[in-house]
Amino acid sequence: MIDCCELALHNGRLALYIALGAFAVISLLLAMFFGYNLKLSARTASLEKKNGKEQKQIDQLKAEIEKLKKTK
């Protein structure tokens, strides 16, 4: 027959396993979230760099168009 101390010890271990499992799942989800954000920020930085180059080209073309309009 199981006495109350053994039952409390068993329930305590069970609660500890549940808490550790929840901690592991939350840690995994946070790691996935921050990993995704790091990838996203790197992608955003590369797209902004590309956009900056394209915007510079657009500005140069606008300047050339204005120059051509003034010469006509």
Protein backbone atom coordinates (compact mmCIF):
# COMPACT_ATOMS: atom_id res chain seq x y z
CA MET A 1 0.00 0.00 0.00
CA ILE A 2 1.21 3.46 -0.91
CA ASP A 3 1.36 5.96 1.90
CA CYS A 4 0.87 9.70 1.53
CA CYS A 5 4.62 10.50 1.41
CA GLU A 6 5.23 8.20 -1.55
CA LEU A 7 2.19 9.60 -3.32
CA ALA A 8 3.39 13.16 -2.73
CA LEU A 9 6.85 12.24 -4.03
CA HIS A 10 5.34 10.66 -7.14
CA ASN A 11 3.10 13.69 -7.77
CA GLY A 12 6.04 16.03 -7.20
CA ARG A 13 8.13 14.19 -9.80
CA LEU A 14 5.22 14.24 -12.21
CA ALA A 15 4.79 17.98 -11.71
CA LEU A 16 8.54 18.47 -12.24
CA TYR A 17 8.45 16.51 -15.51
CA ILE A 18 5.48 18.51 -16.73
CA ALA A 19 7.20 21.79 -15.84
CA LEU A 20 10.43 20.71 -17.58
CA GLY A 21 8.49 19.65 -20.66
CA ALA A 22 6.65 22.97 -20.79
CA PHE A 23 9.95 24.83 -20.36
CA ALA A 24 11.50 22.83 -23.20
CA VAL A 25 8.57 23.52 -25.53
CA ILE A 26 8.54 27.24 -24.71
CA SER A 27 12.32 27.43 -25.18
CA LEU A 28 12.06 25.69 -28.54
CA LEU A 29 9.30 28.03 -29.71
CA LEU A 30 11.27 31.09 -28.61
CA ALA A 31 14.39 29.83 -30.39
CA MET A 32 12.39 29.27 -33.57
CA PHE A 33 10.82 32.72 -33.28
CA PHE A 34 14.13 34.52 -32.78
CA GLY A 35 15.79 32.46 -35.51
CA TYR A 36 13.05 33.48 -37.90
CA ASN A 37 13.40 37.13 -36.88
CA LEU A 38 17.16 37.01 -37.46
CA LYS A 39 16.63 35.56 -40.94
CA LEU A 40 13.95 38.13 -41.62
CA SER A 41 16.11 41.04 -40.50
CA ALA A 42 19.01 39.82 -42.66
CA ARG A 43 16.67 39.53 -45.64
CA THR A 44 15.24 42.97 -44.97
CA ALA A 45 18.73 44.47 -44.81
CA SER A 46 19.70 42.91 -48.15
CA LEU A 47 16.47 44.10 -49.77
CA GLU A 48 16.99 47.62 -48.42
CA LYS A 49 20.52 47.61 -49.83
CA LYS A 50 19.21 46.48 -53.21
CA ASN A 51 16.42 49.05 -53.04
CA GLY A 52 18.97 51.76 -52.28
CA LYS A 53 20.93 50.89 -55.42
CA GLU A 54 17.77 50.90 -57.53
CA GLN A 55 16.65 54.21 -56.03
CA LYS A 56 20.03 55.72 -56.90
CA GLN A 57 19.61 54.54 -60.50
CA ILE A 58 16.11 56.01 -60.64
CA ASP A 59 17.37 59.34 -59.33
CA GLN A 60 20.16 59.36 -61.93
CA LEU A 61 17.68 58.63 -64.72
CA LYS A 62 15.38 61.41 -63.51
CA ALA A 63 18.29 63.82 -63.51
CA GLU A 64 19.18 62.79 -67.07
CA ILE A 65 15.57 63.25 -68.19
CA GLU A 66 15.45 66.72 -66.64
CA LYS A 67 18.76 67.56 -68.32
CA LEU A 68 17.42 66.38 -71.70
CA LYS A 69 14.20 68.39 -71.23
CA LYS A 70 16.19 71.53 -70.52
CA THR A 71 18.40 71.09 -73.58
CA LYS A 72 15.41 70.79 -75.94
